[in-house]
Every structure is written in C-alpha cells, then in structure tokens.
C-alpha cells in the first residue's frame, strides 16, 4: 500500500463501492497518472455500474465528493472514473 499516491482515498472509495454493489469481490480500484493528474479507475461487475452511478448520477457525485475529501488528507487532487 505504500506505493500508492492516495492510500486514504483508495481505501475510502473501495469501502463505499463494495458496500453498494451486489458483487463486492469484483470491485477494483486502480491509480492512474494521466498528464500529471491522478485518476482512480473503478471497475465493478456487470450489472453493478447502475447501482454505483445512481439516479441522475447522484450516487456517483456523492462518492466523488467524499473520496476527494479523503484525498485531501493524502495531499493530492484526483478524478474518479467509473468503468464498465
């Protein structure tokens, strides 16, 4: 875990997403550095993406808000992408 740029943010994001989905074992969170900015790519099982995004994207927006707050503890700014 020491090789991660944002370990707190990854832990918070993983906990939230695994709590929401039907298949928590299939959740993966990868750190990607893209043009100097940190991005967390979240992958879930088929059929779980809708649960993570929520109605009109409200759940996804809330997850992003909480995770970005956790990332401030790590001293980084990040983006979050939910991938199918």
PDB file of N, CA and C in Angstrom:
ATOM      1  N   UNK A   1       0.802  -1.198   0.000  1.00  0.00           N
ATOM      2  CA  UNK A   1       0.000   0.000   0.000  1.00  0.00           C
ATOM      3  C   UNK A   1       0.843   1.259   0.000  1.00  0.00           C
ATOM      4  N   UNK A   2       2.098   1.149   0.337  1.00  0.00           N
ATOM      5  CA  UNK A   2       2.954   2.315   0.418  1.00  0.00           C
ATOM      6  C   UNK A   2       3.296   2.884  -0.949  1.00  0.00           C
ATOM      7  N   UNK A   3       3.074   2.122  -2.030  1.00  0.00           N
ATOM      8  CA  UNK A   3       3.374   2.623  -3.366  1.00  0.00           C
ATOM      9  C   UNK A   3       2.231   3.454  -3.940  1.00  0.00           C
ATOM     10  N   UNK A   4       1.142   3.594  -3.224  1.00  0.00           N
ATOM     11  CA  UNK A   4       0.013   4.383  -3.696  1.00  0.00           C
ATOM     12  C   UNK A   4       0.217   5.853  -3.370  1.00  0.00           C
ATOM     13  N   UNK A   5      -0.229   6.712  -4.284  1.00  0.00           N
ATOM     14  CA  UNK A   5      -0.141   8.157  -4.060  1.00  0.00           C
ATOM     15  C   UNK A   5      -1.245   8.638  -3.130  1.00  0.00           C
ATOM     16  N   UNK A   6      -2.371   7.930  -3.118  1.00  0.00           N
ATOM     17  CA  UNK A   6      -3.523   8.348  -2.311  1.00  0.00           C
ATOM     18  C   UNK A   6      -4.135   7.152  -1.584  1.00  0.00           C
ATOM     19  N   UNK A   7      -3.424   6.586  -0.615  1.00  0.00           N
ATOM     20  CA  UNK A   7      -3.939   5.375   0.051  1.00  0.00           C
ATOM     21  C   UNK A   7      -5.247   5.594   0.810  1.00  0.00           C
ATOM     22  N   UNK A   8      -5.412   6.752   1.432  1.00  0.00           N
ATOM     23  CA  UNK A   8      -6.649   7.021   2.166  1.00  0.00           C
ATOM     24  C   UNK A   8      -7.832   7.097   1.210  1.00  0.00           C
ATOM     25  N   UNK A   9      -7.649   7.806   0.110  1.00  0.00           N
ATOM     26  CA  UNK A   9      -8.721   7.950  -0.878  1.00  0.00           C
ATOM     27  C   UNK A   9      -9.099   6.598  -1.480  1.00  0.00           C
ATOM     28  N   UNK A  10      -8.108   5.771  -1.781  1.00  0.00           N
ATOM     29  CA  UNK A  10      -8.373   4.444  -2.350  1.00  0.00           C
ATOM     30  C   UNK A  10      -9.138   3.584  -1.350  1.00  0.00           C
ATOM     31  N   UNK A  11      -8.746   3.637  -0.086  1.00  0.00           N
ATOM     32  CA  UNK A  11      -9.424   2.842   0.937  1.00  0.00           C
ATOM     33  C   UNK A  11     -10.868   3.285   1.114  1.00  0.00           C
ATOM     34  N   UNK A  12     -11.098   4.587   1.152  1.00  0.00           N
ATOM     35  CA  UNK A  12     -12.463   5.117   1.308  1.00  0.00           C
ATOM     36  C   UNK A  12     -13.312   4.749   0.108  1.00  0.00           C
ATOM     37  N   UNK A  13     -12.772   4.957  -1.089  1.00  0.00           N
ATOM     38  CA  UNK A  13     -13.509   4.652  -2.315  1.00  0.00           C
ATOM     39  C   UNK A  13     -13.846   3.166  -2.397  1.00  0.00           C
ATOM     40  N   UNK A  14     -12.894   2.315  -2.099  1.00  0.00           N
ATOM     41  CA  UNK A  14     -13.123   0.871  -2.141  1.00  0.00           C
ATOM     42  C   UNK A  14     -14.204   0.464  -1.141  1.00  0.00           C
ATOM     43  N   UNK A  15     -14.152   1.014   0.052  1.00  0.00           N
ATOM     44  CA  UNK A  15     -15.145   0.685   1.078  1.00  0.00           C
ATOM     45  C   UNK A  15     -16.550   1.106   0.648  1.00  0.00           C
ATOM     46  N   UNK A  16     -16.684   2.312   0.132  1.00  0.00           N
ATOM     47  CA  UNK A  16     -18.006   2.803  -0.281  1.00  0.00           C
ATOM     48  C   UNK A  16     -18.569   1.954  -1.409  1.00  0.00           C
ATOM     49  N   UNK A  17     -17.770   1.727  -2.446  1.00  0.00           N
ATOM     50  CA  UNK A  17     -18.261   0.994  -3.616  1.00  0.00           C
ATOM     51  C   UNK A  17     -18.597  -0.449  -3.263  1.00  0.00           C
ATOM     52  N   UNK A  18     -17.755  -1.108  -2.463  1.00  0.00           N
ATOM     53  CA  UNK A  18     -18.051  -2.504  -2.106  1.00  0.00           C
ATOM     54  C   UNK A  18     -19.301  -2.597  -1.236  1.00  0.00           C
ATOM     55  N   UNK A  19     -19.635  -1.541  -0.518  1.00  0.00           N
ATOM     56  CA  UNK A  19     -20.846  -1.537   0.300  1.00  0.00           C
ATOM     57  C   UNK A  19     -22.112  -1.420  -0.534  1.00  0.00           C
ATOM     58  N   UNK A  20     -21.980  -0.846  -1.724  1.00  0.00           N
ATOM     59  CA  UNK A  20     -23.145  -0.576  -2.572  1.00  0.00           C
ATOM     60  C   UNK A  20     -23.471  -1.737  -3.510  1.00  0.00           C
ATOM     61  N   UNK A  21     -22.463  -2.373  -4.067  1.00  0.00           N
ATOM     62  CA  UNK A  21     -22.660  -3.345  -5.142  1.00  0.00           C
ATOM     63  C   UNK A  21     -23.113  -4.707  -4.629  1.00  0.00           C
ATOM     64  N   UNK A  22     -23.656  -5.515  -5.559  1.00  0.00           N
ATOM     65  CA  UNK A  22     -24.079  -6.879  -5.241  1.00  0.00           C
ATOM     66  C   UNK A  22     -22.892  -7.837  -5.170  1.00  0.00           C
ATOM     67  N   UNK A  23     -21.846  -7.565  -5.959  1.00  0.00           N
ATOM     68  CA  UNK A  23     -20.666  -8.435  -6.017  1.00  0.00           C
ATOM     69  C   UNK A  23     -19.427  -7.681  -5.539  1.00  0.00           C
ATOM     70  N   UNK A  24     -19.236  -7.549  -4.231  1.00  0.00           N
ATOM     71  CA  UNK A  24     -18.100  -6.763  -3.731  1.00  0.00           C
ATOM     72  C   UNK A  24     -16.732  -7.344  -4.079  1.00  0.00           C
ATOM     73  N   UNK A  25     -16.663  -8.640  -4.336  1.00  0.00           N
ATOM     74  CA  UNK A  25     -15.372  -9.251  -4.671  1.00  0.00           C
ATOM     75  C   UNK A  25     -14.853  -8.817  -6.034  1.00  0.00           C
ATOM     76  N   UNK A  26     -15.731  -8.302  -6.887  1.00  0.00           N
ATOM     77  CA  UNK A  26     -15.313  -7.924  -8.238  1.00  0.00           C
ATOM     78  C   UNK A  26     -14.930  -6.450  -8.357  1.00  0.00           C
ATOM     79  N   UNK A  27     -14.945  -5.716  -7.260  1.00  0.00           N
ATOM     80  CA  UNK A  27     -14.597  -4.292  -7.289  1.00  0.00           C
ATOM     81  C   UNK A  27     -13.079  -4.136  -7.324  1.00  0.00           C
ATOM     82  N   UNK A  28     -12.587  -3.330  -8.291  1.00  0.00           N
ATOM     83  CA  UNK A  28     -11.168  -2.996  -8.341  1.00  0.00           C
ATOM     84  C   UNK A  28     -11.027  -1.484  -8.464  1.00  0.00           C
ATOM     85  N   UNK A  29     -10.022  -0.948  -7.790  1.00  0.00           N
ATOM     86  CA  UNK A  29      -9.703   0.470  -7.869  1.00  0.00           C
ATOM     87  C   UNK A  29      -8.236   0.581  -8.260  1.00  0.00           C
ATOM     88  N   UNK A  30      -7.976   1.215  -9.412  1.00  0.00           N
ATOM     89  CA  UNK A  30      -6.608   1.367  -9.907  1.00  0.00           C
ATOM     90  C   UNK A  30      -6.235   2.836  -9.938  1.00  0.00           C
ATOM     91  N   UNK A  31      -5.013   3.141  -9.501  1.00  0.00           N
ATOM     92  CA  UNK A  31      -4.483   4.502  -9.605  1.00  0.00           C
ATOM     93  C   UNK A  31      -3.801   4.658 -10.955  1.00  0.00           C
ATOM     94  N   UNK A  32      -4.167   5.721 -11.668  1.00  0.00           N
ATOM     95  CA  UNK A  32      -3.575   6.011 -12.969  1.00  0.00           C
ATOM     96  C   UNK A  32      -3.136   7.467 -12.956  1.00  0.00           C
ATOM     97  N   UNK A  33      -1.894   7.721 -13.376  1.00  0.00           N
ATOM     98  CA  UNK A  33      -1.430   9.097 -13.517  1.00  0.00           C
ATOM     99  C   UNK A  33      -1.557   9.471 -14.980  1.00  0.00           C
ATOM    100  N   UNK A  34      -2.382  10.471 -15.262  1.00  0.00           N
ATOM    101  CA  UNK A  34      -2.667  10.882 -16.636  1.00  0.00           C
ATOM    102  C   UNK A  34      -2.374  12.370 -16.770  1.00  0.00           C
ATOM    103  N   UNK A  35      -1.338  12.707 -17.532  1.00  0.00           N
ATOM    104  CA  UNK A  35      -0.926  14.090 -17.750  1.00  0.00           C
ATOM    105  C   UNK A  35      -0.696  14.823 -16.427  1.00  0.00           C
ATOM    106  N   UNK A  36      -0.046  14.138 -15.500  1.00  0.00           N
ATOM    107  CA  UNK A  36       0.295  14.744 -14.230  1.00  0.00           C
ATOM    108  C   UNK A  36      -0.828  14.777 -13.207  1.00  0.00           C
ATOM    109  N   UNK A  37      -2.009  14.314 -13.571  1.00  0.00           N
ATOM    110  CA  UNK A  37      -3.134  14.305 -12.638  1.00  0.00           C
ATOM    111  C   UNK A  37      -3.453  12.862 -12.262  1.00  0.00           C
ATOM    112  N   UNK A  38      -3.779  12.663 -11.007  1.00  0.00           N
ATOM    113  CA  UNK A  38      -4.092  11.327 -10.513  1.00  0.00           C
ATOM    114  C   UNK A  38      -5.553  11.002 -10.797  1.00  0.00           C
ATOM    115  N   UNK A  39      -5.783   9.786 -11.278  1.00  0.00           N
ATOM    116  CA  UNK A  39      -7.150   9.333 -11.556  1.00  0.00           C
ATOM    117  C   UNK A  39      -7.333   7.957 -10.936  1.00  0.00           C
ATOM    118  N   UNK A  40      -8.490   7.747 -10.328  1.00  0.00           N
ATOM    119  CA  UNK A  40      -8.836   6.437  -9.801  1.00  0.00           C
ATOM    120  C   UNK A  40      -9.871   5.815 -10.729  1.00  0.00           C
ATOM    121  N   UNK A  41      -9.544   4.668 -11.295  1.00  0.00           N
ATOM    122  CA  UNK A  41     -10.456   3.935 -12.167  1.00  0.00           C
ATOM    123  C   UNK A  41     -11.133   2.853 -11.350  1.00  0.00           C
ATOM    124  N   UNK A  42     -12.458   2.887 -11.309  1.00  0.00           N
ATOM    125  CA  UNK A  42     -13.241   1.919 -10.546  1.00  0.00           C
ATOM    126  C   UNK A  42     -13.926   0.972 -11.515  1.00  0.00           C
ATOM    127  N   UNK A  43     -13.705  -0.319 -11.322  1.00  0.00           N
ATOM    128  CA  UNK A  43     -14.375  -1.330 -12.141  1.00  0.00           C
ATOM    129  C   UNK A  43     -15.236  -2.194 -11.230  1.00  0.00           C
ATOM    130  N   UNK A  44     -16.454  -2.462 -11.706  1.00  0.00           N
ATOM    131  CA  UNK A  44     -17.387  -3.298 -10.941  1.00  0.00           C
ATOM    132  C   UNK A  44     -17.913  -4.394 -11.862  1.00  0.00           C
ATOM    133  N   UNK A  45     -18.626  -5.355 -11.298  1.00  0.00           N
ATOM    134  CA  UNK A  45     -19.177  -6.463 -12.078  1.00  0.00           C
ATOM    135  C   UNK A  45     -20.277  -5.969 -13.005  1.00  0.00           C
ATOM    136  N   UNK A  46     -20.569  -6.773 -14.013  1.00  0.00           N
ATOM    137  CA  UNK A  46     -21.673  -6.456 -14.921  1.00  0.00           C
ATOM    138  C   UNK A  46     -22.958  -6.305 -14.119  1.00  0.00           C
ATOM    139  N   UNK A  47     -23.691  -5.261 -14.374  1.00  0.00           N
ATOM    140  CA  UNK A  47     -24.953  -5.043 -13.687  1.00  0.00           C
ATOM    141  C   UNK A  47     -24.841  -4.186 -12.435  1.00  0.00           C
ATOM    142  N   UNK A  48     -23.622  -3.981 -11.931  1.00  0.00           N
ATOM    143  CA  UNK A  48     -23.448  -3.179 -10.718  1.00  0.00           C
ATOM    144  C   UNK A  48     -23.169  -1.706 -11.007  1.00  0.00           C
ATOM    145  N   UNK A  49     -22.830  -1.378 -12.244  1.00  0.00           N
ATOM    146  CA  UNK A  49     -22.479   0.003 -12.565  1.00  0.00           C
ATOM    147  C   UNK A  49     -23.645   0.958 -12.311  1.00  0.00           C
ATOM    148  N   UNK A  50     -24.850   0.514 -12.613  1.00  0.00           N
ATOM    149  CA  UNK A  50     -26.032   1.346 -12.372  1.00  0.00           C
ATOM    150  C   UNK A  50     -26.225   1.662 -10.900  1.00  0.00           C
ATOM    151  N   UNK A  51     -25.908   0.729 -10.053  1.00  0.00           N
ATOM    152  CA  UNK A  51     -26.026   0.956  -8.604  1.00  0.00           C
ATOM    153  C   UNK A  51     -25.028   1.993  -8.135  1.00  0.00           C
ATOM    154  N   UNK A  52     -23.828   1.964  -8.715  1.00  0.00           N
ATOM    155  CA  UNK A  52     -22.780   2.892  -8.308  1.00  0.00           C
ATOM    156  C   UNK A  52     -23.071   4.308  -8.826  1.00  0.00           C
ATOM    157  N   UNK A  53     -23.607   4.402 -10.029  1.00  0.00           N
ATOM    158  CA  UNK A  53     -23.886   5.713 -10.607  1.00  0.00           C
ATOM    159  C   UNK A  53     -25.149   6.323  -9.997  1.00  0.00           C
ATOM    160  N   UNK A  54     -26.174   5.518  -9.807  1.00  0.00           N
ATOM    161  CA  UNK A  54     -27.397   6.012  -9.174  1.00  0.00           C
ATOM    162  C   UNK A  54     -28.267   6.829 -10.119  1.00  0.00           C
ATOM    163  N   UNK A  55     -29.403   7.249  -9.611  1.00  0.00           N
ATOM    164  CA  UNK A  55     -30.323   8.054 -10.418  1.00  0.00           C
ATOM    165  C   UNK A  55     -29.720   9.414 -10.710  1.00  0.00           C
ATOM    166  N   UNK A  56     -29.690   9.732 -11.990  1.00  0.00           N
ATOM    167  CA  UNK A  56     -29.142  11.008 -12.467  1.00  0.00           C
ATOM    168  C   UNK A  56     -27.722  11.257 -11.986  1.00  0.00           C
ATOM    169  N   UNK A  57     -27.005  10.195 -11.661  1.00  0.00           N
ATOM    170  CA  UNK A  57     -25.607  10.315 -11.261  1.00  0.00           C
ATOM    171  C   UNK A  57     -25.385  10.835  -9.857  1.00  0.00           C
ATOM    172  N   UNK A  58     -26.425  10.855  -9.057  1.00  0.00           N
ATOM    173  CA  UNK A  58     -26.300  11.418  -7.706  1.00  0.00           C
ATOM    174  C   UNK A  58     -25.391  10.587  -6.809  1.00  0.00           C
ATOM    175  N   UNK A  59     -25.491   9.284  -6.903  1.00  0.00           N
ATOM    176  CA  UNK A  59     -24.638   8.428  -6.068  1.00  0.00           C
ATOM    177  C   UNK A  59     -23.179   8.603  -6.462  1.00  0.00           C
ATOM    178  N   UNK A  60     -22.913   8.611  -7.764  1.00  0.00           N
ATOM    179  CA  UNK A  60     -21.536   8.793  -8.244  1.00  0.00           C
ATOM    180  C   UNK A  60     -20.985  10.148  -7.802  1.00  0.00           C
ATOM    181  N   UNK A  61     -21.798  11.185  -7.881  1.00  0.00           N
ATOM    182  CA  UNK A  61     -21.359  12.520  -7.463  1.00  0.00           C
ATOM    183  C   UNK A  61     -21.031  12.542  -5.970  1.00  0.00           C
ATOM    184  N   UNK A  62     -21.847  11.880  -5.183  1.00  0.00           N
ATOM    185  CA  UNK A  62     -21.598  11.824  -3.742  1.00  0.00           C
ATOM    186  C   UNK A  62     -20.323  11.040  -3.430  1.00  0.00           C
ATOM    187  N   UNK A  63     -20.127   9.930  -4.135  1.00  0.00           N
ATOM    188  CA  UNK A  63     -18.912   9.134  -3.941  1.00  0.00           C
ATOM    189  C   UNK A  63     -17.685   9.977  -4.284  1.00  0.00           C
ATOM    190  N   UNK A  64     -17.764  10.731  -5.389  1.00  0.00           N
ATOM    191  CA  UNK A  64     -16.637  11.589  -5.784  1.00  0.00           C
ATOM    192  C   UNK A  64     -16.346  12.642  -4.712  1.00  0.00           C
ATOM    193  N   UNK A  65     -17.391  13.247  -4.166  1.00  0.00           N
ATOM    194  CA  UNK A  65     -17.212  14.285  -3.146  1.00  0.00           C
ATOM    195  C   UNK A  65     -16.506  13.744  -1.911  1.00  0.00           C
ATOM    196  N   UNK A  66     -16.980  12.609  -1.410  1.00  0.00           N
ATOM    197  CA  UNK A  66     -16.389  12.016  -0.207  1.00  0.00           C
ATOM    198  C   UNK A  66     -14.951  11.566  -0.470  1.00  0.00           C
ATOM    199  N   UNK A  67     -14.714  10.965  -1.623  1.00  0.00           N
ATOM    200  CA  UNK A  67     -13.373  10.469  -1.929  1.00  0.00           C
ATOM    201  C   UNK A  67     -12.389  11.619  -2.117  1.00  0.00           C
ATOM    202  N   UNK A  68     -12.827  12.702  -2.737  1.00  0.00           N
ATOM    203  CA  UNK A  68     -11.943  13.865  -2.895  1.00  0.00           C
ATOM    204  C   UNK A  68     -11.600  14.481  -1.549  1.00  0.00           C
ATOM    205  N   UNK A  69     -12.559  14.462  -0.629  1.00  0.00           N
ATOM    206  CA  UNK A  69     -12.281  14.956   0.723  1.00  0.00           C
ATOM    207  C   UNK A  69     -11.225  14.079   1.391  1.00  0.00           C
ATOM    208  N   UNK A  70     -11.329  12.768   1.201  1.00  0.00           N
ATOM    209  CA  UNK A  70     -10.327  11.848   1.756  1.00  0.00           C
ATOM    210  C   UNK A  70      -8.969  12.065   1.085  1.00  0.00           C
ATOM    211  N   UNK A  71      -8.984  12.391  -0.199  1.00  0.00           N
ATOM    212  CA  UNK A  71      -7.729  12.610  -0.932  1.00  0.00           C
ATOM    213  C   UNK A  71      -7.003  13.845  -0.421  1.00  0.00           C
ATOM    214  N   UNK A  72      -7.733  14.802   0.118  1.00  0.00           N
ATOM    215  CA  UNK A  72      -7.067  15.987   0.658  1.00  0.00           C
ATOM    216  C   UNK A  72      -6.188  15.605   1.858  1.00  0.00           C
ATOM    217  N   UNK A  73      -6.571  14.558   2.571  1.00  0.00           N
ATOM    218  CA  UNK A  73      -5.734  14.055   3.668  1.00  0.00           C
ATOM    219  C   UNK A  73      -4.428  13.476   3.122  1.00  0.00           C
ATOM    220  N   UNK A  74      -4.503  12.922   1.908  1.00  0.00           N
ATOM    221  CA  UNK A  74      -3.304  12.399   1.248  1.00  0.00           C
ATOM    222  C   UNK A  74      -2.498  13.507   0.570  1.00  0.00           C
ATOM    223  N   UNK A  75      -3.071  14.704   0.491  1.00  0.00           N
ATOM    224  CA  UNK A  75      -2.385  15.825  -0.138  1.00  0.00           C
ATOM    225  C   UNK A  75      -2.392  15.790  -1.652  1.00  0.00           C
ATOM    226  N   UNK A  76      -3.410  15.159  -2.242  1.00  0.00           N
ATOM    227  CA  UNK A  76      -3.488  15.080  -3.707  1.00  0.00           C
ATOM    228  C   UNK A  76      -4.895  15.469  -4.182  1.00  0.00           C
ATOM    229  N   UNK A  77      -4.956  15.883  -5.443  1.00  0.00           N
ATOM    230  CA  UNK A  77      -6.246  16.090  -6.107  1.00  0.00           C
ATOM    231  C   UNK A  77      -6.413  14.955  -7.093  1.00  0.00           C
ATOM    232  N   UNK A  78      -7.650  14.495  -7.266  1.00  0.00           N
ATOM    233  CA  UNK A  78      -7.843  13.370  -8.161  1.00  0.00           C
ATOM    234  C   UNK A  78      -9.186  13.412  -8.857  1.00  0.00           C
ATOM    235  N   UNK A  79      -9.278  12.638  -9.918  1.00  0.00           N
ATOM    236  CA  UNK A  79     -10.528  12.403 -10.629  1.00  0.00           C
ATOM    237  C   UNK A  79     -10.908  10.948 -10.399  1.00  0.00           C
ATOM    238  N   UNK A  80     -12.189  10.654 -10.547  1.00  0.00           N
ATOM    239  CA  UNK A  80     -12.662   9.281 -10.382  1.00  0.00           C
ATOM    240  C   UNK A  80     -13.488   8.914 -11.614  1.00  0.00           C
ATOM    241  N   UNK A  81     -13.160   7.782 -12.207  1.00  0.00           N
ATOM    242  CA  UNK A  81     -13.882   7.274 -13.368  1.00  0.00           C
ATOM    243  C   UNK A  81     -14.493   5.940 -13.009  1.00  0.00           C
ATOM    244  N   UNK A  82     -15.777   5.784 -13.319  1.00  0.00           N
ATOM    245  CA  UNK A  82     -16.463   4.515 -13.112  1.00  0.00           C
ATOM    246  C   UNK A  82     -16.525   3.818 -14.459  1.00  0.00           C
ATOM    247  N   UNK A  83     -15.883   2.658 -14.563  1.00  0.00           N
ATOM    248  CA  UNK A  83     -15.768   1.946 -15.830  1.00  0.00           C
ATOM    249  C   UNK A  83     -16.554   0.657 -15.789  1.00  0.00           C
ATOM    250  N   UNK A  84     -17.073   0.289 -16.943  1.00  0.00           N
ATOM    251  CA  UNK A  84     -17.863  -0.918 -17.066  1.00  0.00           C
ATOM    252  C   UNK A  84     -16.979  -2.117 -17.343  1.00  0.00           C
TER     253      UNK A  84
END
